Amino acid sequence: NMLYPLNYHYKQSESEKLEKINKYLRIVGLYDEIKG
């Protein structure tokens, strides 16, 4: 779900995408709830 807009708008490495996914899941308080 998170990769969908990233793949559409950016050409980034998988590690860069994962870093951004984790960043915004943390910002909305979801990362800790799903324990990664």
All heavy atoms as atom14 arrays in JSON, in Angstrom:
{
  "sequence": "NMLYPLNYHYKQSESEKLEKINKYLRIVGLYDEIKG",
  "atom14_mask": [
    [1, 1, 1, 1, 1, 1, 1, 1, 0, 0, 0, 0, 0, 0],
    [1, 1, 1, 1, 1, 1, 1, 1, 0, 0, 0, 0, 0, 0],
    [1, 1, 1, 1, 1, 1, 1, 1, 0, 0, 0, 0, 0, 0],
    [1, 1, 1, 1, 1, 1, 1, 1, 1, 1, 1, 1, 0, 0],
    [1, 1, 1, 1, 1, 1, 1, 0, 0, 0, 0, 0, 0, 0],
    [1, 1, 1, 1, 1, 1, 1, 1, 0, 0, 0, 0, 0, 0],
    [1, 1, 1, 1, 1, 1, 1, 1, 0, 0, 0, 0, 0, 0],
    [1, 1, 1, 1, 1, 1, 1, 1, 1, 1, 1, 1, 0, 0],
    [1, 1, 1, 1, 1, 1, 1, 1, 1, 1, 0, 0, 0, 0],
    [1, 1, 1, 1, 1, 1, 1, 1, 1, 1, 1, 1, 0, 0],
    [1, 1, 1, 1, 1, 1, 1, 1, 1, 0, 0, 0, 0, 0],
    [1, 1, 1, 1, 1, 1, 1, 1, 1, 0, 0, 0, 0, 0],
    [1, 1, 1, 1, 1, 1, 0, 0, 0, 0, 0, 0, 0, 0],
    [1, 1, 1, 1, 1, 1, 1, 1, 1, 0, 0, 0, 0, 0],
    [1, 1, 1, 1, 1, 1, 0, 0, 0, 0, 0, 0, 0, 0],
    [1, 1, 1, 1, 1, 1, 1, 1, 1, 0, 0, 0, 0, 0],
    [1, 1, 1, 1, 1, 1, 1, 1, 1, 0, 0, 0, 0, 0],
    [1, 1, 1, 1, 1, 1, 1, 1, 0, 0, 0, 0, 0, 0],
    [1, 1, 1, 1, 1, 1, 1, 1, 1, 0, 0, 0, 0, 0],
    [1, 1, 1, 1, 1, 1, 1, 1, 1, 0, 0, 0, 0, 0],
    [1, 1, 1, 1, 1, 1, 1, 1, 0, 0, 0, 0, 0, 0],
    [1, 1, 1, 1, 1, 1, 1, 1, 0, 0, 0, 0, 0, 0],
    [1, 1, 1, 1, 1, 1, 1, 1, 1, 0, 0, 0, 0, 0],
    [1, 1, 1, 1, 1, 1, 1, 1, 1, 1, 1, 1, 0, 0],
    [1, 1, 1, 1, 1, 1, 1, 1, 0, 0, 0, 0, 0, 0],
    [1, 1, 1, 1, 1, 1, 1, 1, 1, 1, 1, 0, 0, 0],
    [1, 1, 1, 1, 1, 1, 1, 1, 0, 0, 0, 0, 0, 0],
    [1, 1, 1, 1, 1, 1, 1, 0, 0, 0, 0, 0, 0, 0],
    [1, 1, 1, 1, 0, 0, 0, 0, 0, 0, 0, 0, 0, 0],
    [1, 1, 1, 1, 1, 1, 1, 1, 0, 0, 0, 0, 0, 0],
    [1, 1, 1, 1, 1, 1, 1, 1, 1, 1, 1, 1, 0, 0],
    [1, 1, 1, 1, 1, 1, 1, 1, 0, 0, 0, 0, 0, 0],
    [1, 1, 1, 1, 1, 1, 1, 1, 1, 0, 0, 0, 0, 0],
    [1, 1, 1, 1, 1, 1, 1, 1, 0, 0, 0, 0, 0, 0],
    [1, 1, 1, 1, 1, 1, 1, 1, 1, 0, 0, 0, 0, 0],
    [1, 1, 1, 1, 0, 0, 0, 0, 0, 0, 0, 0, 0, 0]
  ],
  "atom14_positions": [
    [[0.83, -1.2, 0.0], [0.0, 0.0, 0.0], [0.86, 1.25, 0.0], [0.57, 2.22, -0.7], [-0.93, 0.0, 1.21], [-2.29, -0.61, 0.92], [-3.24, 0.08, 0.6], [-2.36, -1.94, 1.02], [0.0, 0.0, 0.0], [0.0, 0.0, 0.0], [0.0, 0.0, 0.0], [0.0, 0.0, 0.0], [0.0, 0.0, 0.0], [0.0, 0.0, 0.0]],
    [[1.92, 1.23, 0.79], [2.82, 2.39, 0.85], [3.68, 2.51, -0.4], [4.02, 3.61, -0.83], [3.71, 2.27, 2.09], [2.97, 2.4, 3.42], [2.35, 4.07, 3.72], [3.88, 4.93, 4.08], [0.0, 0.0, 0.0], [0.0, 0.0, 0.0], [0.0, 0.0, 0.0], [0.0, 0.0, 0.0], [0.0, 0.0, 0.0], [0.0, 0.0, 0.0]],
    [[4.01, 1.36, -1.0], [4.86, 1.4, -2.2], [4.12, 1.94, -3.42], [4.76, 2.47, -4.34], [5.38, -0.01, -2.52], [6.57, -0.5, -1.7], [6.84, -1.97, -2.02], [7.81, 0.35, -1.98], [0.0, 0.0, 0.0], [0.0, 0.0, 0.0], [0.0, 0.0, 0.0], [0.0, 0.0, 0.0], [0.0, 0.0, 0.0], [0.0, 0.0, 0.0]],
    [[2.8, 1.81, -3.43], [2.04, 2.21, -4.62], [2.35, 3.65, -5.05], [2.73, 3.88, -6.2], [0.55, 2.0, -4.37], [-0.3, 2.25, -5.6], [-0.5, 1.24, -6.54], [-0.9, 3.48, -5.82], [-1.27, 1.47, -7.67], [-1.66, 3.72, -6.94], [-1.85, 2.71, -7.86], [-2.6, 2.94, -8.99], [0.0, 0.0, 0.0], [0.0, 0.0, 0.0]],
    [[2.18, 4.66, -4.19], [2.5, 6.02, -4.63], [3.99, 6.26, -4.82], [4.39, 7.06, -5.69], [1.93, 6.91, -3.51], [1.91, 6.03, -2.31], [1.63, 4.64, -2.82], [0.0, 0.0, 0.0], [0.0, 0.0, 0.0], [0.0, 0.0, 0.0], [0.0, 0.0, 0.0], [0.0, 0.0, 0.0], [0.0, 0.0, 0.0], [0.0, 0.0, 0.0]],
    [[4.82, 5.57, -4.04], [6.27, 5.75, -4.19], [6.74, 5.25, -5.55], [7.55, 5.91, -6.22], [7.0, 5.02, -3.07], [6.88, 5.64, -1.67], [7.51, 4.72, -0.63], [7.51, 7.02, -1.62], [0.0, 0.0, 0.0], [0.0, 0.0, 0.0], [0.0, 0.0, 0.0], [0.0, 0.0, 0.0], [0.0, 0.0, 0.0], [0.0, 0.0, 0.0]],
    [[6.26, 4.09, -5.97], [6.65, 3.56, -7.28], [6.14, 4.43, -8.41], [6.77, 4.55, -9.46], [6.11, 2.13, -7.44], [6.84, 1.13, -6.56], [7.98, 1.36, -6.16], [6.17, 0.03, -6.25], [0.0, 0.0, 0.0], [0.0, 0.0, 0.0], [0.0, 0.0, 0.0], [0.0, 0.0, 0.0], [0.0, 0.0, 0.0], [0.0, 0.0, 0.0]],
    [[4.99, 5.04, -8.19], [4.38, 5.87, -9.23], [5.14, 7.19, -9.42], [5.33, 7.64, -10.54], [2.92, 6.17, -8.86], [2.15, 6.88, -9.95], [1.6, 6.18, -11.01], [1.97, 8.26, -9.91], [0.89, 6.82, -12.01], [1.27, 8.92, -10.91], [0.72, 8.2, -11.94], [0.03, 8.85, -12.94], [0.0, 0.0, 0.0], [0.0, 0.0, 0.0]],
    [[5.57, 7.78, -8.31], [6.14, 9.13, -8.39], [7.67, 9.18, -8.37], [8.25, 10.18, -8.76], [5.61, 9.99, -7.23], [4.18, 10.4, -7.38], [3.76, 11.38, -8.25], [3.05, 9.95, -6.77], [2.45, 11.54, -8.17], [1.99, 10.68, -7.28], [0.0, 0.0, 0.0], [0.0, 0.0, 0.0], [0.0, 0.0, 0.0], [0.0, 0.0, 0.0]],
    [[8.32, 8.11, -7.89], [9.76, 8.19, -7.69], [10.48, 7.0, -8.31], [9.93, 5.91, -8.43], [10.11, 8.21, -6.19], [9.59, 9.41, -5.44], [8.52, 9.28, -4.56], [10.18, 10.67, -5.57], [8.04, 10.36, -3.84], [9.72, 11.75, -4.87], [8.64, 11.59, -4.0], [8.17, 12.67, -3.3], [0.0, 0.0, 0.0], [0.0, 0.0, 0.0]],
    [[11.72, 7.24, -8.65], [12.64, 6.17, -9.0], [13.7, 6.14, -7.91], [14.67, 6.9, -7.93], [13.28, 6.41, -10.37], [12.3, 6.3, -11.53], [12.99, 6.47, -12.87], [12.0, 6.31, -14.03], [12.65, 6.49, -15.36], [0.0, 0.0, 0.0], [0.0, 0.0, 0.0], [0.0, 0.0, 0.0], [0.0, 0.0, 0.0], [0.0, 0.0, 0.0]],
    [[13.48, 5.27, -6.94], [14.37, 5.17, -5.78], [14.75, 3.71, -5.57], [14.08, 2.8, -6.05], [13.67, 5.7, -4.51], [13.34, 7.17, -4.55], [12.58, 7.62, -3.3], [11.61, 6.98, -2.89], [13.02, 8.71, -2.69], [0.0, 0.0, 0.0], [0.0, 0.0, 0.0], [0.0, 0.0, 0.0], [0.0, 0.0, 0.0], [0.0, 0.0, 0.0]],
    [[15.82, 3.52, -4.82], [16.22, 2.15, -4.48], [15.23, 1.58, -3.47], [14.48, 2.32, -2.82], [17.63, 2.16, -3.88], [17.61, 2.8, -2.62], [0.0, 0.0, 0.0], [0.0, 0.0, 0.0], [0.0, 0.0, 0.0], [0.0, 0.0, 0.0], [0.0, 0.0, 0.0], [0.0, 0.0, 0.0], [0.0, 0.0, 0.0], [0.0, 0.0, 0.0]],
    [[15.23, 0.28, -3.35], [14.34, -0.37, -2.39], [14.62, 0.09, -0.97], [13.7, 0.26, -0.17], [14.47, -1.89, -2.5], [13.89, -2.47, -3.78], [12.41, -2.12, -3.96], [11.63, -2.34, -3.0], [12.04, -1.64, -5.04], [0.0, 0.0, 0.0], [0.0, 0.0, 0.0], [0.0, 0.0, 0.0], [0.0, 0.0, 0.0], [0.0, 0.0, 0.0]],
    [[15.9, 0.29, -0.65], [16.24, 0.73, 0.72], [15.74, 2.15, 0.96], [15.29, 2.47, 2.08], [17.76, 0.65, 0.93], [18.44, 1.51, 0.03], [0.0, 0.0, 0.0], [0.0, 0.0, 0.0], [0.0, 0.0, 0.0], [0.0, 0.0, 0.0], [0.0, 0.0, 0.0], [0.0, 0.0, 0.0], [0.0, 0.0, 0.0], [0.0, 0.0, 0.0]],
    [[15.81, 3.0, -0.05], [15.3, 4.38, 0.1], [13.79, 4.38, 0.3], [13.25, 5.13, 1.13], [15.68, 5.21, -1.12], [17.15, 5.57, -1.2], [17.52, 6.26, -2.52], [16.96, 5.87, -3.58], [18.37, 7.17, -2.48], [0.0, 0.0, 0.0], [0.0, 0.0, 0.0], [0.0, 0.0, 0.0], [0.0, 0.0, 0.0], [0.0, 0.0, 0.0]],
    [[13.1, 3.53, -0.46], [11.65, 3.44, -0.31], [11.28, 2.91, 1.07], [10.36, 3.43, 1.72], [11.07, 2.53, -1.4], [11.14, 3.11, -2.8], [10.65, 2.09, -3.83], [10.84, 2.61, -5.24], [10.47, 1.59, -6.26], [0.0, 0.0, 0.0], [0.0, 0.0, 0.0], [0.0, 0.0, 0.0], [0.0, 0.0, 0.0], [0.0, 0.0, 0.0]],
    [[11.98, 1.88, 1.54], [11.68, 1.31, 2.84], [11.94, 2.33, 3.95], [11.16, 2.41, 4.91], [12.53, 0.06, 3.06], [12.26, -0.7, 4.36], [10.8, -1.16, 4.42], [13.2, -1.9, 4.48], [0.0, 0.0, 0.0], [0.0, 0.0, 0.0], [0.0, 0.0, 0.0], [0.0, 0.0, 0.0], [0.0, 0.0, 0.0], [0.0, 0.0, 0.0]],
    [[12.99, 3.1, 3.79], [13.29, 4.14, 4.78], [12.14, 5.16, 4.85], [11.73, 5.57, 5.94], [14.6, 4.84, 4.42], [15.02, 5.91, 5.42], [16.33, 6.58, 5.04], [16.99, 6.11, 4.09], [16.7, 7.57, 5.69], [0.0, 0.0, 0.0], [0.0, 0.0, 0.0], [0.0, 0.0, 0.0], [0.0, 0.0, 0.0], [0.0, 0.0, 0.0]],
    [[11.62, 5.53, 3.7], [10.52, 6.5, 3.67], [9.24, 5.89, 4.23], [8.48, 6.55, 4.95], [10.31, 7.01, 2.24], [9.31, 8.14, 2.14], [9.35, 8.8, 0.77], [10.54, 9.71, 0.61], [10.46, 10.52, -0.63], [0.0, 0.0, 0.0], [0.0, 0.0, 0.0], [0.0, 0.0, 0.0], [0.0, 0.0, 0.0], [0.0, 0.0, 0.0]],
    [[8.98, 4.63, 3.9], [7.8, 3.94, 4.44], [7.85, 3.92, 5.97], [6.88, 4.29, 6.64], [7.72, 2.5, 3.89], [7.31, 2.52, 2.42], [6.73, 1.66, 4.7], [7.44, 1.16, 1.74], [0.0, 0.0, 0.0], [0.0, 0.0, 0.0], [0.0, 0.0, 0.0], [0.0, 0.0, 0.0], [0.0, 0.0, 0.0], [0.0, 0.0, 0.0]],
    [[8.98, 3.51, 6.53], [9.1, 3.44, 7.98], [8.98, 4.82, 8.62], [8.38, 4.97, 9.69], [10.44, 2.8, 8.36], [10.48, 1.32, 8.05], [9.44, 0.67, 7.99], [11.67, 0.78, 7.86], [0.0, 0.0, 0.0], [0.0, 0.0, 0.0], [0.0, 0.0, 0.0], [0.0, 0.0, 0.0], [0.0, 0.0, 0.0], [0.0, 0.0, 0.0]],
    [[9.54, 5.83, 7.95], [9.49, 7.2, 8.48], [8.05, 7.65, 8.66], [7.68, 8.15, 9.74], [10.21, 8.15, 7.52], [10.06, 9.62, 7.88], [10.72, 10.53, 6.84], [10.48, 11.99, 7.15], [11.11, 12.88, 6.13], [0.0, 0.0, 0.0], [0.0, 0.0, 0.0], [0.0, 0.0, 0.0], [0.0, 0.0, 0.0], [0.0, 0.0, 0.0]],
    [[7.22, 7.46, 7.65], [5.86, 8.0, 7.73], [4.92, 7.09, 8.53], [3.96, 7.59, 9.13], [5.34, 8.32, 6.33], [5.99, 9.59, 5.83], [7.02, 9.54, 4.9], [5.61, 10.82, 6.33], [7.67, 10.69, 4.48], [6.24, 11.98, 5.91], [7.27, 11.92, 4.99], [7.91, 13.08, 4.59], [0.0, 0.0, 0.0], [0.0, 0.0, 0.0]],
    [[5.23, 5.81, 8.59], [4.46, 4.96, 9.5], [4.74, 5.34, 10.95], [3.85, 5.31, 11.79], [4.78, 3.49, 9.27], [4.24, 2.87, 7.97], [4.71, 1.43, 7.83], [2.72, 2.94, 7.91], [0.0, 0.0, 0.0], [0.0, 0.0, 0.0], [0.0, 0.0, 0.0], [0.0, 0.0, 0.0], [0.0, 0.0, 0.0], [0.0, 0.0, 0.0]],
    [[5.97, 5.73, 11.23], [6.3, 6.21, 12.58], [5.6, 7.53, 12.87], [5.08, 7.75, 13.97], [7.81, 6.36, 12.74], [8.56, 5.04, 12.89], [10.01, 5.27, 13.3], [10.7, 4.02, 13.56], [11.46, 3.38, 12.68], [11.64, 3.89, 11.47], [12.04, 2.23, 12.99], [0.0, 0.0, 0.0], [0.0, 0.0, 0.0], [0.0, 0.0, 0.0]],
    [[5.6, 8.42, 11.89], [4.98, 9.74, 12.09], [3.51, 9.61, 12.45], [3.0, 10.34, 13.31], [5.18, 10.61, 10.83], [6.63, 11.12, 10.78], [4.2, 11.79, 10.8], [6.98, 11.88, 9.52], [0.0, 0.0, 0.0], [0.0, 0.0, 0.0], [0.0, 0.0, 0.0], [0.0, 0.0, 0.0], [0.0, 0.0, 0.0], [0.0, 0.0, 0.0]],
    [[2.8, 8.68, 11.79], [1.37, 8.53, 12.08], [1.11, 7.59, 13.25], [-0.05, 7.31, 13.59], [0.59, 8.05, 10.83], [0.77, 9.01, 9.68], [0.98, 6.62, 10.43], [0.0, 0.0, 0.0], [0.0, 0.0, 0.0], [0.0, 0.0, 0.0], [0.0, 0.0, 0.0], [0.0, 0.0, 0.0], [0.0, 0.0, 0.0], [0.0, 0.0, 0.0]],
    [[2.18, 7.09, 13.89], [2.03, 6.25, 15.06], [1.63, 4.83, 14.77], [1.17, 4.11, 15.67], [0.0, 0.0, 0.0], [0.0, 0.0, 0.0], [0.0, 0.0, 0.0], [0.0, 0.0, 0.0], [0.0, 0.0, 0.0], [0.0, 0.0, 0.0], [0.0, 0.0, 0.0], [0.0, 0.0, 0.0], [0.0, 0.0, 0.0], [0.0, 0.0, 0.0]],
    [[1.83, 4.38, 13.55], [1.41, 3.04, 13.17], [2.54, 2.02, 13.24], [2.3, 0.83, 13.45], [0.83, 3.08, 11.75], [-0.04, 1.91, 11.29], [-1.18, 1.65, 12.25], [-0.59, 2.19, 9.88], [0.0, 0.0, 0.0], [0.0, 0.0, 0.0], [0.0, 0.0, 0.0], [0.0, 0.0, 0.0], [0.0, 0.0, 0.0], [0.0, 0.0, 0.0]],
    [[3.77, 2.48, 13.1], [4.9, 1.56, 13.03], [5.02, 0.7, 14.28], [5.15, -0.52, 14.22], [6.2, 2.33, 12.8], [7.41, 1.45, 12.6], [7.72, 0.96, 11.34], [8.23, 1.1, 13.67], [8.83, 0.14, 11.14], [9.33, 0.28, 13.49], [9.62, -0.19, 12.22], [10.72, -1.01, 12.04], [0.0, 0.0, 0.0], [0.0, 0.0, 0.0]],
    [[4.93, 1.33, 15.44], [5.07, 0.58, 16.7], [3.89, -0.35, 16.92], [4.03, -1.42, 17.53], [5.21, 1.54, 17.87], [6.56, 2.25, 17.89], [7.5, 1.71, 17.26], [6.67, 3.32, 18.5], [0.0, 0.0, 0.0], [0.0, 0.0, 0.0], [0.0, 0.0, 0.0], [0.0, 0.0, 0.0], [0.0, 0.0, 0.0], [0.0, 0.0, 0.0]],
    [[2.71, 0.04, 16.44], [1.52, -0.78, 16.63], [1.59, -2.09, 15.84], [1.07, -3.11, 16.27], [0.27, 0.0, 16.24], [-0.03, 1.17, 17.18], [-1.28, 1.92, 16.78], [-2.1, 1.38, 16.01], [-1.43, 3.07, 17.24], [0.0, 0.0, 0.0], [0.0, 0.0, 0.0], [0.0, 0.0, 0.0], [0.0, 0.0, 0.0], [0.0, 0.0, 0.0]],
    [[2.23, -2.03, 14.67], [2.33, -3.26, 13.88], [3.67, -3.95, 14.1], [3.95, -4.99, 13.5], [2.14, -2.96, 12.37], [3.22, -2.03, 11.85], [0.76, -2.38, 12.12], [3.2, -1.83, 10.35], [0.0, 0.0, 0.0], [0.0, 0.0, 0.0], [0.0, 0.0, 0.0], [0.0, 0.0, 0.0], [0.0, 0.0, 0.0], [0.0, 0.0, 0.0]],
    [[4.5, -3.33, 14.96], [5.8, -3.91, 15.35], [6.66, -4.24, 14.13], [7.32, -5.28, 14.08], [5.59, -5.13, 16.23], [4.78, -4.85, 17.49], [4.69, -6.06, 18.38], [3.76, -5.82, 19.56], [4.11, -4.66, 20.36], [0.0, 0.0, 0.0], [0.0, 0.0, 0.0], [0.0, 0.0, 0.0], [0.0, 0.0, 0.0], [0.0, 0.0, 0.0]],
    [[6.63, -3.35, 13.14], [7.48, -3.51, 11.97], [7.05, -4.59, 11.01], [7.78, -4.9, 10.06], [0.0, 0.0, 0.0], [0.0, 0.0, 0.0], [0.0, 0.0, 0.0], [0.0, 0.0, 0.0], [0.0, 0.0, 0.0], [0.0, 0.0, 0.0], [0.0, 0.0, 0.0], [0.0, 0.0, 0.0], [0.0, 0.0, 0.0], [0.0, 0.0, 0.0]]
  ]
}
